[in-house]
N, C-alpha and C. Protein backbone atom coordinates (compact mmCIF):
# COMPACT_ATOMS: atom_id res chain seq x y z
N MET A 1 80.39 102.11 39.62
CA MET A 1 80.78 100.70 39.82
C MET A 1 81.80 100.30 38.76
N LEU A 2 82.81 99.52 39.16
CA LEU A 2 83.83 99.09 38.23
C LEU A 2 83.30 98.02 37.28
N ASN A 3 83.95 97.89 36.12
CA ASN A 3 83.60 96.86 35.15
C ASN A 3 84.09 95.52 35.68
N GLU A 4 83.17 94.63 35.97
CA GLU A 4 83.53 93.36 36.59
C GLU A 4 84.40 92.49 35.70
N THR A 5 84.11 92.48 34.41
CA THR A 5 84.91 91.67 33.48
C THR A 5 86.36 92.12 33.47
N VAL A 6 86.57 93.43 33.43
CA VAL A 6 87.93 93.98 33.45
C VAL A 6 88.62 93.64 34.77
N CYS A 7 87.89 93.75 35.88
CA CYS A 7 88.48 93.46 37.20
C CYS A 7 88.91 92.00 37.30
N ARG A 8 88.11 91.10 36.78
CA ARG A 8 88.48 89.68 36.80
C ARG A 8 89.79 89.46 36.04
N GLN A 9 89.92 90.10 34.90
CA GLN A 9 91.15 89.97 34.11
C GLN A 9 92.34 90.59 34.83
N GLN A 10 92.12 91.74 35.46
CA GLN A 10 93.20 92.41 36.18
C GLN A 10 93.69 91.59 37.37
N ILE A 11 92.77 90.97 38.08
CA ILE A 11 93.17 90.13 39.21
C ILE A 11 94.05 88.98 38.73
N CYS A 12 93.68 88.36 37.61
CA CYS A 12 94.49 87.26 37.06
C CYS A 12 95.88 87.75 36.66
N GLU A 13 95.95 88.93 36.07
CA GLU A 13 97.24 89.49 35.66
C GLU A 13 98.12 89.79 36.87
N ILE A 14 97.55 90.41 37.89
CA ILE A 14 98.31 90.71 39.10
C ILE A 14 98.74 89.41 39.78
N GLY A 15 97.88 88.41 39.77
CA GLY A 15 98.25 87.11 40.33
C GLY A 15 99.46 86.51 39.63
N ARG A 16 99.49 86.64 38.31
CA ARG A 16 100.64 86.12 37.55
C ARG A 16 101.92 86.87 37.91
N ARG A 17 101.81 88.19 38.05
CA ARG A 17 102.98 88.98 38.42
C ARG A 17 103.50 88.55 39.79
N MET A 18 102.60 88.36 40.74
CA MET A 18 103.00 87.94 42.08
C MET A 18 103.71 86.59 42.03
N TYR A 19 103.16 85.67 41.26
CA TYR A 19 103.73 84.33 41.16
C TYR A 19 105.11 84.37 40.49
N GLU A 20 105.23 85.14 39.42
CA GLU A 20 106.49 85.22 38.69
C GLU A 20 107.59 85.90 39.51
N ARG A 21 107.21 86.82 40.40
CA ARG A 21 108.16 87.52 41.24
C ARG A 21 108.41 86.79 42.56
N ARG A 22 107.89 85.58 42.69
CA ARG A 22 108.06 84.74 43.88
C ARG A 22 107.54 85.43 45.14
N MET A 23 106.46 86.18 44.98
CA MET A 23 105.78 86.74 46.14
C MET A 23 104.82 85.74 46.77
N VAL A 24 104.51 84.68 46.03
CA VAL A 24 103.64 83.62 46.51
C VAL A 24 104.19 82.29 46.01
N ALA A 25 103.89 81.23 46.74
CA ALA A 25 104.25 79.88 46.32
C ALA A 25 103.00 79.01 46.36
N ALA A 26 102.95 78.04 45.47
CA ALA A 26 101.79 77.14 45.42
C ALA A 26 100.49 77.95 45.37
N ASN A 27 99.61 77.75 46.36
CA ASN A 27 98.31 78.44 46.35
C ASN A 27 98.25 79.63 47.30
N ASP A 28 99.41 80.10 47.74
CA ASP A 28 99.47 81.19 48.73
C ASP A 28 98.87 82.49 48.19
N GLY A 29 98.55 83.39 49.13
CA GLY A 29 98.17 84.76 48.80
C GLY A 29 96.73 84.89 48.36
N ASN A 30 96.26 86.12 48.33
CA ASN A 30 94.91 86.40 47.84
C ASN A 30 94.80 87.86 47.44
N ILE A 31 93.86 88.14 46.57
CA ILE A 31 93.66 89.46 45.97
C ILE A 31 92.16 89.76 45.99
N SER A 32 91.82 91.01 46.22
CA SER A 32 90.40 91.38 46.14
C SER A 32 90.25 92.80 45.60
N VAL A 33 89.08 93.06 45.04
CA VAL A 33 88.73 94.37 44.50
C VAL A 33 87.30 94.70 44.91
N ARG A 34 87.09 95.95 45.32
CA ARG A 34 85.72 96.39 45.66
C ARG A 34 85.02 96.79 44.36
N LEU A 35 83.97 96.06 44.01
CA LEU A 35 83.21 96.36 42.79
C LEU A 35 82.20 97.47 43.03
N GLY A 36 81.59 97.46 44.19
CA GLY A 36 80.57 98.44 44.53
C GLY A 36 80.49 98.56 46.04
N GLU A 37 79.50 99.24 46.52
CA GLU A 37 79.39 99.51 47.96
C GLU A 37 79.37 98.23 48.78
N ASN A 38 78.75 97.17 48.26
CA ASN A 38 78.60 95.94 49.04
C ASN A 38 78.97 94.70 48.23
N GLU A 39 79.87 94.87 47.26
CA GLU A 39 80.30 93.74 46.43
C GLU A 39 81.82 93.71 46.33
N ILE A 40 82.39 92.56 46.71
CA ILE A 40 83.84 92.37 46.66
C ILE A 40 84.14 91.19 45.76
N LEU A 41 85.02 91.40 44.80
CA LEU A 41 85.48 90.32 43.93
C LEU A 41 86.80 89.82 44.48
N CYS A 42 86.94 88.50 44.65
CA CYS A 42 88.15 87.97 45.29
C CYS A 42 88.62 86.67 44.65
N THR A 43 89.86 86.34 44.92
CA THR A 43 90.45 85.13 44.37
C THR A 43 89.89 83.89 45.09
N PRO A 44 89.84 82.75 44.39
CA PRO A 44 89.32 81.52 44.98
C PRO A 44 90.37 80.82 45.82
N THR A 45 89.94 80.00 46.74
CA THR A 45 90.86 79.20 47.53
C THR A 45 91.36 78.01 46.73
N GLY A 46 92.58 77.58 47.05
CA GLY A 46 93.12 76.36 46.45
C GLY A 46 93.57 76.49 45.02
N VAL A 47 93.79 77.70 44.54
CA VAL A 47 94.23 77.91 43.15
C VAL A 47 95.49 78.78 43.16
N SER A 48 96.52 78.36 42.43
CA SER A 48 97.74 79.15 42.33
C SER A 48 97.45 80.50 41.71
N LYS A 49 98.03 81.53 42.28
CA LYS A 49 97.82 82.88 41.75
C LYS A 49 98.42 83.04 40.35
N GLY A 50 99.32 82.15 39.98
CA GLY A 50 99.92 82.23 38.66
C GLY A 50 99.10 81.59 37.56
N PHE A 51 98.03 80.89 37.92
CA PHE A 51 97.28 80.12 36.92
C PHE A 51 95.77 80.30 37.06
N MET A 52 95.36 81.44 37.55
CA MET A 52 93.92 81.69 37.72
C MET A 52 93.26 82.04 36.39
N LYS A 53 91.96 81.81 36.34
CA LYS A 53 91.14 82.18 35.19
C LYS A 53 90.05 83.16 35.67
N PRO A 54 89.67 84.10 34.81
CA PRO A 54 88.67 85.10 35.23
C PRO A 54 87.39 84.51 35.79
N GLU A 55 86.94 83.39 35.22
CA GLU A 55 85.67 82.81 35.67
C GLU A 55 85.77 82.15 37.04
N GLN A 56 86.99 81.99 37.57
CA GLN A 56 87.16 81.38 38.88
C GLN A 56 87.00 82.36 40.04
N MET A 57 86.94 83.66 39.74
CA MET A 57 86.82 84.64 40.82
C MET A 57 85.48 84.49 41.54
N CYS A 58 85.47 84.84 42.82
CA CYS A 58 84.26 84.76 43.64
C CYS A 58 83.80 86.17 44.00
N LYS A 59 82.49 86.31 44.20
CA LYS A 59 81.94 87.59 44.61
C LYS A 59 81.25 87.42 45.95
N VAL A 60 81.63 88.28 46.92
CA VAL A 60 81.04 88.23 48.25
C VAL A 60 80.55 89.61 48.65
N ASP A 61 79.72 89.65 49.68
CA ASP A 61 79.33 90.96 50.22
C ASP A 61 80.27 91.34 51.35
N LEU A 62 80.07 92.49 51.97
CA LEU A 62 80.98 92.99 53.00
C LEU A 62 80.95 92.16 54.27
N CYS A 63 79.98 91.28 54.40
CA CYS A 63 79.93 90.38 55.55
C CYS A 63 80.54 89.01 55.22
N GLY A 64 80.98 88.84 53.97
CA GLY A 64 81.59 87.58 53.57
C GLY A 64 80.63 86.56 52.99
N ASN A 65 79.37 86.93 52.83
CA ASN A 65 78.40 86.00 52.24
C ASN A 65 78.65 85.87 50.74
N LEU A 66 78.63 84.65 50.25
CA LEU A 66 78.88 84.41 48.83
C LEU A 66 77.71 84.91 47.99
N ILE A 67 78.03 85.74 47.01
CA ILE A 67 77.02 86.27 46.08
C ILE A 67 77.03 85.49 44.78
N ASP A 68 78.25 85.19 44.30
CA ASP A 68 78.34 84.52 42.99
C ASP A 68 79.69 83.85 42.85
N SER A 69 79.72 82.67 42.21
CA SER A 69 80.96 81.97 41.85
C SER A 69 80.60 80.84 40.92
N ASP A 70 81.61 80.28 40.25
CA ASP A 70 81.31 79.09 39.46
C ASP A 70 81.15 77.91 40.42
N SER A 71 80.76 76.79 39.92
CA SER A 71 80.40 75.66 40.79
C SER A 71 81.57 75.10 41.58
N ASP A 72 82.81 75.33 41.12
CA ASP A 72 83.98 74.74 41.76
C ASP A 72 84.76 75.71 42.65
N SER A 73 84.43 76.99 42.63
CA SER A 73 85.24 78.00 43.31
C SER A 73 84.59 78.48 44.61
N LYS A 74 85.44 78.60 45.64
CA LYS A 74 85.01 79.16 46.91
C LYS A 74 85.98 80.26 47.32
N PRO A 75 85.53 81.28 48.02
CA PRO A 75 86.44 82.35 48.44
C PRO A 75 87.51 81.84 49.38
N SER A 76 88.66 82.47 49.36
CA SER A 76 89.70 82.15 50.31
C SER A 76 89.20 82.38 51.73
N SER A 77 89.61 81.53 52.65
CA SER A 77 89.23 81.71 54.05
C SER A 77 89.83 82.98 54.64
N GLU A 78 90.86 83.53 53.97
CA GLU A 78 91.51 84.73 54.46
C GLU A 78 90.83 86.01 53.95
N ILE A 79 89.69 85.85 53.29
CA ILE A 79 88.95 87.03 52.84
C ILE A 79 88.54 87.89 54.03
N LYS A 80 88.53 87.30 55.22
CA LYS A 80 88.11 88.06 56.41
C LYS A 80 88.97 89.31 56.63
N MET A 81 90.29 89.19 56.39
CA MET A 81 91.13 90.37 56.63
C MET A 81 90.92 91.41 55.53
N HIS A 82 90.64 90.98 54.31
CA HIS A 82 90.31 91.92 53.24
C HIS A 82 89.05 92.70 53.60
N LEU A 83 88.04 91.96 54.07
CA LEU A 83 86.76 92.60 54.39
C LEU A 83 86.91 93.61 55.52
N ARG A 84 87.80 93.33 56.48
CA ARG A 84 88.00 94.28 57.57
C ARG A 84 88.57 95.59 57.03
N VAL A 85 89.46 95.48 56.05
CA VAL A 85 90.02 96.70 55.44
C VAL A 85 88.90 97.51 54.79
N TYR A 86 88.06 96.85 53.99
CA TYR A 86 86.97 97.55 53.29
C TYR A 86 85.96 98.14 54.28
N GLN A 87 85.69 97.41 55.34
CA GLN A 87 84.72 97.90 56.33
C GLN A 87 85.20 99.16 57.03
N LYS A 88 86.50 99.22 57.30
CA LYS A 88 87.06 100.35 58.05
C LYS A 88 87.57 101.47 57.15
N ARG A 89 87.78 101.16 55.88
CA ARG A 89 88.32 102.16 54.95
C ARG A 89 87.47 102.21 53.68
N PRO A 90 86.39 102.97 53.69
CA PRO A 90 85.51 103.06 52.51
C PRO A 90 86.22 103.58 51.26
N ASP A 91 87.38 104.26 51.44
CA ASP A 91 88.11 104.79 50.30
C ASP A 91 88.98 103.74 49.61
N VAL A 92 89.16 102.59 50.23
CA VAL A 92 90.03 101.54 49.67
C VAL A 92 89.27 100.74 48.62
N GLY A 93 89.94 100.52 47.47
CA GLY A 93 89.31 99.79 46.37
C GLY A 93 89.91 98.44 46.09
N ALA A 94 91.07 98.12 46.71
CA ALA A 94 91.71 96.82 46.45
C ALA A 94 92.65 96.47 47.59
N VAL A 95 92.79 95.16 47.82
CA VAL A 95 93.67 94.65 48.87
C VAL A 95 94.47 93.48 48.30
N VAL A 96 95.76 93.44 48.66
CA VAL A 96 96.65 92.37 48.19
C VAL A 96 97.35 91.74 49.39
N HIS A 97 97.33 90.42 49.45
CA HIS A 97 98.06 89.69 50.49
C HIS A 97 99.03 88.72 49.81
N ALA A 98 100.28 88.73 50.25
CA ALA A 98 101.29 87.87 49.66
C ALA A 98 102.33 87.48 50.70
N HIS A 99 103.25 86.59 50.30
CA HIS A 99 104.33 86.15 51.17
C HIS A 99 105.68 86.41 50.49
N PRO A 100 105.99 87.66 50.14
CA PRO A 100 107.28 87.96 49.51
C PRO A 100 108.42 87.59 50.46
N ILE A 101 109.49 87.05 49.89
CA ILE A 101 110.52 86.39 50.70
C ILE A 101 111.15 87.31 51.74
N PHE A 102 111.61 88.48 51.34
CA PHE A 102 112.33 89.34 52.27
C PHE A 102 111.38 89.96 53.30
N ALA A 103 110.25 90.46 52.85
CA ALA A 103 109.29 91.04 53.78
C ALA A 103 108.79 90.00 54.77
N THR A 104 108.52 88.79 54.28
CA THR A 104 108.05 87.73 55.15
C THR A 104 109.13 87.28 56.12
N SER A 105 110.38 87.37 55.70
CA SER A 105 111.49 87.05 56.61
C SER A 105 111.48 87.97 57.82
N PHE A 106 111.25 89.27 57.59
CA PHE A 106 111.15 90.20 58.71
C PHE A 106 109.91 89.89 59.56
N ALA A 107 108.81 89.52 58.91
CA ALA A 107 107.59 89.18 59.65
C ALA A 107 107.82 87.95 60.53
N VAL A 108 108.56 86.98 60.02
CA VAL A 108 108.86 85.77 60.79
C VAL A 108 109.80 86.10 61.96
N MET A 109 110.70 87.07 61.75
CA MET A 109 111.56 87.54 62.84
C MET A 109 110.77 88.28 63.91
N GLY A 110 109.57 88.73 63.58
CA GLY A 110 108.81 89.56 64.50
C GLY A 110 109.27 90.99 64.47
N ARG A 111 109.63 91.47 63.27
CA ARG A 111 110.19 92.82 63.13
C ARG A 111 109.52 93.56 61.98
N GLY A 112 109.03 94.76 62.23
CA GLY A 112 108.47 95.58 61.18
C GLY A 112 109.57 96.26 60.38
N LEU A 113 109.16 97.00 59.36
CA LEU A 113 110.10 97.75 58.52
C LEU A 113 109.96 99.22 58.91
N GLU A 114 110.80 99.67 59.80
CA GLU A 114 110.60 100.99 60.38
C GLU A 114 111.81 101.91 60.27
N GLU A 115 112.90 101.45 59.70
CA GLU A 115 114.10 102.27 59.58
C GLU A 115 113.96 103.25 58.42
N PRO A 116 114.17 104.54 58.63
CA PRO A 116 114.10 105.53 57.54
C PRO A 116 115.39 105.52 56.73
N ILE A 117 115.44 104.65 55.72
CA ILE A 117 116.70 104.45 55.00
C ILE A 117 116.76 105.18 53.66
N MET A 118 115.62 105.60 53.13
CA MET A 118 115.66 106.33 51.86
C MET A 118 114.37 107.13 51.70
N PRO A 119 114.42 108.24 50.95
CA PRO A 119 113.24 109.10 50.82
C PRO A 119 112.00 108.37 50.30
N GLU A 120 112.18 107.46 49.35
CA GLU A 120 111.03 106.77 48.77
C GLU A 120 110.24 105.99 49.81
N VAL A 121 110.95 105.46 50.82
CA VAL A 121 110.27 104.74 51.89
C VAL A 121 109.34 105.67 52.66
N ILE A 122 109.83 106.87 52.98
CA ILE A 122 109.01 107.83 53.71
C ILE A 122 107.82 108.27 52.86
N VAL A 123 108.07 108.52 51.59
CA VAL A 123 107.00 108.97 50.69
C VAL A 123 105.94 107.89 50.51
N ASN A 124 106.37 106.63 50.32
CA ASN A 124 105.44 105.54 50.04
C ASN A 124 104.70 105.05 51.27
N PHE A 125 105.41 104.93 52.39
CA PHE A 125 104.82 104.27 53.55
C PHE A 125 104.98 105.01 54.87
N GLY A 126 106.03 105.79 55.02
CA GLY A 126 106.40 106.26 56.34
C GLY A 126 107.14 105.14 57.06
N ARG A 127 106.42 104.10 57.33
CA ARG A 127 106.99 102.85 57.84
C ARG A 127 105.98 101.74 57.64
N VAL A 128 106.42 100.50 57.77
CA VAL A 128 105.53 99.35 57.63
C VAL A 128 105.53 98.62 58.97
N PRO A 129 104.49 98.83 59.79
CA PRO A 129 104.48 98.21 61.12
C PRO A 129 104.21 96.72 61.07
N LEU A 130 104.48 96.07 62.19
CA LEU A 130 104.22 94.63 62.34
C LEU A 130 102.93 94.44 63.13
N ALA A 131 101.94 93.80 62.51
CA ALA A 131 100.70 93.47 63.22
C ALA A 131 100.92 92.19 64.02
N PRO A 132 100.44 92.10 65.25
CA PRO A 132 100.65 90.92 66.08
C PRO A 132 100.10 89.65 65.44
N TYR A 133 100.66 88.54 65.86
CA TYR A 133 100.28 87.25 65.29
C TYR A 133 98.79 86.96 65.47
N GLY A 134 98.20 86.39 64.44
CA GLY A 134 96.82 85.92 64.48
C GLY A 134 96.73 84.59 63.76
N THR A 135 95.85 83.73 64.20
CA THR A 135 95.68 82.43 63.56
C THR A 135 95.07 82.61 62.17
N PRO A 136 95.72 82.08 61.13
CA PRO A 136 95.18 82.23 59.77
C PRO A 136 93.75 81.72 59.66
N SER A 137 92.98 82.41 58.83
CA SER A 137 91.60 82.04 58.52
C SER A 137 90.62 82.33 59.64
N THR A 138 91.08 82.97 60.73
CA THR A 138 90.18 83.34 61.82
C THR A 138 90.07 84.86 61.90
N VAL A 139 89.22 85.35 62.79
CA VAL A 139 89.07 86.80 62.97
C VAL A 139 90.25 87.39 63.73
N GLU A 140 91.18 86.55 64.19
CA GLU A 140 92.34 87.07 64.92
C GLU A 140 93.18 87.98 64.03
N ILE A 141 93.34 87.62 62.76
CA ILE A 141 94.14 88.47 61.87
C ILE A 141 93.43 89.78 61.56
N PRO A 142 92.14 89.78 61.18
CA PRO A 142 91.46 91.07 61.02
C PRO A 142 91.56 91.96 62.26
N ASP A 143 91.42 91.34 63.43
CA ASP A 143 91.52 92.11 64.67
C ASP A 143 92.92 92.68 64.86
N SER A 144 93.94 91.92 64.44
CA SER A 144 95.32 92.37 64.64
C SER A 144 95.70 93.52 63.72
N ILE A 145 95.11 93.59 62.53
CA ILE A 145 95.47 94.65 61.59
C ILE A 145 94.64 95.90 61.76
N GLU A 146 93.49 95.78 62.40
CA GLU A 146 92.57 96.92 62.47
C GLU A 146 93.19 98.21 63.03
N PRO A 147 94.04 98.13 64.08
CA PRO A 147 94.61 99.37 64.62
C PRO A 147 95.49 100.14 63.63
N TYR A 148 95.92 99.48 62.55
CA TYR A 148 96.85 100.10 61.60
C TYR A 148 96.17 100.61 60.33
N LEU A 149 94.90 100.31 60.16
CA LEU A 149 94.26 100.57 58.88
C LEU A 149 94.08 102.05 58.57
N ALA A 150 93.81 102.85 59.57
CA ALA A 150 93.50 104.25 59.31
C ALA A 150 94.71 105.06 58.90
N GLU A 151 95.90 104.70 59.39
CA GLU A 151 97.05 105.58 59.24
C GLU A 151 98.23 104.96 58.49
N TYR A 152 98.05 103.78 57.93
CA TYR A 152 99.12 103.15 57.15
C TYR A 152 98.55 102.60 55.85
N GLU A 153 99.45 102.21 54.94
CA GLU A 153 99.04 101.62 53.66
C GLU A 153 99.52 100.19 53.50
N ALA A 154 100.26 99.70 54.50
CA ALA A 154 100.80 98.34 54.44
C ALA A 154 101.15 97.89 55.85
N VAL A 155 101.05 96.59 56.09
CA VAL A 155 101.52 96.01 57.34
C VAL A 155 102.18 94.68 57.05
N LEU A 156 103.11 94.30 57.94
CA LEU A 156 103.58 92.93 57.97
C LEU A 156 102.73 92.17 58.97
N LEU A 157 102.45 90.91 58.67
CA LEU A 157 101.66 90.05 59.54
C LEU A 157 102.63 89.10 60.23
N GLU A 158 102.73 89.20 61.53
CA GLU A 158 103.73 88.42 62.25
C GLU A 158 103.67 86.94 61.91
N SER A 159 104.83 86.39 61.51
CA SER A 159 104.98 84.97 61.15
C SER A 159 104.09 84.56 59.98
N HIS A 160 103.74 85.53 59.12
CA HIS A 160 102.78 85.20 58.07
C HIS A 160 103.15 85.79 56.71
N GLY A 161 103.15 87.10 56.57
CA GLY A 161 103.40 87.70 55.26
C GLY A 161 103.16 89.19 55.30
N ALA A 162 102.62 89.73 54.20
CA ALA A 162 102.39 91.18 54.10
C ALA A 162 101.01 91.45 53.52
N LEU A 163 100.48 92.63 53.86
CA LEU A 163 99.17 93.05 53.37
C LEU A 163 99.27 94.51 52.95
N THR A 164 98.76 94.83 51.75
CA THR A 164 98.76 96.21 51.27
C THR A 164 97.37 96.55 50.75
N TRP A 165 97.05 97.84 50.76
CA TRP A 165 95.74 98.29 50.27
C TRP A 165 95.87 99.66 49.63
N ALA A 166 94.96 99.96 48.71
CA ALA A 166 95.02 101.23 47.99
C ALA A 166 93.68 101.47 47.30
N GLN A 167 93.60 102.58 46.57
CA GLN A 167 92.34 102.94 45.90
C GLN A 167 92.03 102.04 44.71
N ASP A 168 93.05 101.43 44.11
CA ASP A 168 92.82 100.55 42.98
C ASP A 168 93.80 99.38 43.04
N LEU A 169 93.56 98.37 42.23
CA LEU A 169 94.33 97.13 42.32
C LEU A 169 95.79 97.32 41.95
N LEU A 170 96.06 98.04 40.88
CA LEU A 170 97.46 98.21 40.47
C LEU A 170 98.25 98.93 41.57
N SER A 171 97.66 99.94 42.18
CA SER A 171 98.34 100.67 43.25
C SER A 171 98.59 99.77 44.46
N ALA A 172 97.62 98.93 44.80
CA ALA A 172 97.79 98.02 45.94
C ALA A 172 98.91 97.03 45.65
N TYR A 173 98.97 96.54 44.41
CA TYR A 173 100.05 95.62 44.05
C TYR A 173 101.41 96.32 44.05
N MET A 174 101.48 97.54 43.53
CA MET A 174 102.74 98.27 43.51
C MET A 174 103.25 98.54 44.93
N LYS A 175 102.33 98.74 45.86
CA LYS A 175 102.74 98.89 47.25
C LYS A 175 103.40 97.61 47.76
N MET A 176 102.86 96.46 47.34
CA MET A 176 103.47 95.19 47.74
C MET A 176 104.88 95.07 47.16
N GLU A 177 105.05 95.45 45.91
CA GLU A 177 106.40 95.45 45.32
C GLU A 177 107.33 96.36 46.11
N SER A 178 106.83 97.53 46.49
CA SER A 178 107.66 98.49 47.22
C SER A 178 108.02 97.98 48.62
N VAL A 179 107.07 97.32 49.27
CA VAL A 179 107.36 96.72 50.58
C VAL A 179 108.48 95.69 50.46
N GLU A 180 108.40 94.86 49.44
CA GLU A 180 109.43 93.83 49.26
C GLU A 180 110.79 94.44 48.92
N PHE A 181 110.78 95.49 48.10
CA PHE A 181 112.04 96.17 47.78
C PHE A 181 112.65 96.78 49.03
N TYR A 182 111.83 97.43 49.83
CA TYR A 182 112.26 98.02 51.10
C TYR A 182 112.88 96.95 52.00
N ALA A 183 112.19 95.79 52.12
CA ALA A 183 112.67 94.72 52.97
C ALA A 183 114.00 94.15 52.47
N GLU A 184 114.12 93.96 51.16
CA GLU A 184 115.38 93.43 50.62
C GLU A 184 116.52 94.42 50.81
N LEU A 185 116.23 95.68 50.57
CA LEU A 185 117.26 96.71 50.74
C LEU A 185 117.73 96.77 52.19
N LEU A 186 116.79 96.72 53.13
CA LEU A 186 117.14 96.75 54.54
C LEU A 186 117.95 95.51 54.91
N TYR A 187 117.54 94.35 54.42
CA TYR A 187 118.26 93.11 54.69
C TYR A 187 119.71 93.19 54.20
N ARG A 188 119.87 93.66 52.98
CA ARG A 188 121.22 93.69 52.39
C ARG A 188 122.12 94.73 53.08
N THR A 189 121.55 95.85 53.46
CA THR A 189 122.37 96.86 54.14
C THR A 189 122.75 96.38 55.55
N ILE A 190 121.89 95.60 56.16
CA ILE A 190 122.25 95.00 57.45
C ILE A 190 123.45 94.07 57.29
N GLN A 191 123.48 93.31 56.19
CA GLN A 191 124.61 92.42 55.93
C GLN A 191 125.91 93.20 55.71
N LEU A 192 125.79 94.42 55.23
CA LEU A 192 126.96 95.25 54.96
C LEU A 192 127.41 96.05 56.19
N GLY A 193 126.74 95.85 57.30
CA GLY A 193 127.15 96.54 58.51
C GLY A 193 126.10 97.45 59.10
N GLY A 194 124.96 97.57 58.46
CA GLY A 194 123.88 98.39 58.98
C GLY A 194 123.59 99.58 58.10
N PRO A 195 122.31 99.92 57.92
CA PRO A 195 121.95 101.02 57.03
C PRO A 195 122.32 102.38 57.63
N ARG A 196 122.56 103.34 56.78
CA ARG A 196 122.77 104.71 57.20
C ARG A 196 121.41 105.40 57.16
N LEU A 197 120.88 105.76 58.31
CA LEU A 197 119.54 106.31 58.39
C LEU A 197 119.51 107.77 57.98
N LEU A 198 118.37 108.20 57.47
CA LEU A 198 118.20 109.61 57.14
C LEU A 198 118.27 110.45 58.41
N SER A 199 118.88 111.60 58.32
CA SER A 199 119.03 112.47 59.48
C SER A 199 117.69 113.07 59.89
N PRO A 200 117.55 113.49 61.15
CA PRO A 200 116.30 114.13 61.60
C PRO A 200 115.90 115.32 60.75
N CYS A 201 116.88 116.10 60.30
CA CYS A 201 116.59 117.26 59.46
C CYS A 201 115.98 116.84 58.13
N ARG A 202 116.55 115.82 57.51
CA ARG A 202 116.03 115.33 56.23
C ARG A 202 114.65 114.69 56.41
N LEU A 203 114.48 113.99 57.52
CA LEU A 203 113.19 113.39 57.80
C LEU A 203 112.11 114.46 57.98
N GLU A 204 112.46 115.51 58.68
CA GLU A 204 111.51 116.60 58.92
C GLU A 204 111.01 117.19 57.61
N LYS A 205 111.92 117.38 56.66
CA LYS A 205 111.53 117.92 55.36
C LYS A 205 110.61 116.97 54.61
N LEU A 206 110.91 115.66 54.71
CA LEU A 206 110.08 114.67 54.04
C LEU A 206 108.70 114.59 54.67
N TYR A 207 108.64 114.67 56.00
CA TYR A 207 107.35 114.65 56.67
C TYR A 207 106.51 115.86 56.26
N GLU A 208 107.16 117.00 56.13
CA GLU A 208 106.44 118.21 55.69
C GLU A 208 105.94 118.04 54.26
N LEU A 209 106.78 117.43 53.43
CA LEU A 209 106.42 117.23 52.02
C LEU A 209 105.23 116.30 51.87
N THR A 210 105.21 115.23 52.66
CA THR A 210 104.18 114.21 52.52
C THR A 210 102.98 114.43 53.43
N GLY A 211 103.13 115.33 54.40
CA GLY A 211 102.06 115.56 55.36
C GLY A 211 101.96 114.48 56.41
N ARG A 212 103.01 113.66 56.54
CA ARG A 212 102.99 112.59 57.53
C ARG A 212 103.38 113.12 58.92
N LYS A 213 102.95 112.37 59.93
CA LYS A 213 103.37 112.66 61.28
C LYS A 213 104.81 112.19 61.48
N LYS A 214 105.43 112.59 62.57
CA LYS A 214 106.85 112.29 62.77
C LYS A 214 107.13 110.80 63.03
N ASP A 215 106.10 110.00 63.32
CA ASP A 215 106.32 108.58 63.47
C ASP A 215 105.98 107.81 62.19
N GLY A 216 105.74 108.56 61.09
CA GLY A 216 105.49 107.92 59.80
C GLY A 216 104.04 107.70 59.47
N ARG A 217 103.14 107.96 60.42
CA ARG A 217 101.72 107.76 60.14
C ARG A 217 101.19 108.87 59.22
N LYS A 218 100.07 108.60 58.57
CA LYS A 218 99.44 109.59 57.70
C LYS A 218 98.83 110.73 58.54
């Protein structure tokens, strides 16, 4: 089991990074960490990710039942999509949801990040698919992301934002940074006339190197 005190501090630090990098505005976004088999530590609702305190974190079980929080803190209503990731992926230790500007712009367009424009994209993600629209705070979003959980590490949420997951919190956050970098790079190359895609031969070598399938899945 992870050290809960350390996890609370790490969540606050990652929240500050997200806020400073304009991945979230106001009270947007949420972060969670799996403490144990049936314990999830998550960010509270109604609090800016840039100004959280360790004691404000909430603890829930895998069904979303509140286990522990201070008297003023409640879990984000969007914890449902985090819990779906943990339920379907026992190997995942952390989930990050944010609204980074470029990635969210593609999500609002209704477009995933699927162009093979550089080796790092193939190594990190293969591709970042677009999960169909779901009403925030309902089970529609968990249902929309479920088909992508087994074979991807990140998704865009149509008209909403981005979601990443990994074995630990820092890795999940770094995936969010990489998704946003990918989205900005794709946006800027489109402005320059369109990206130059990696050739099938180069893609084949990268797929062999990473063990990915030819459509970018794990």
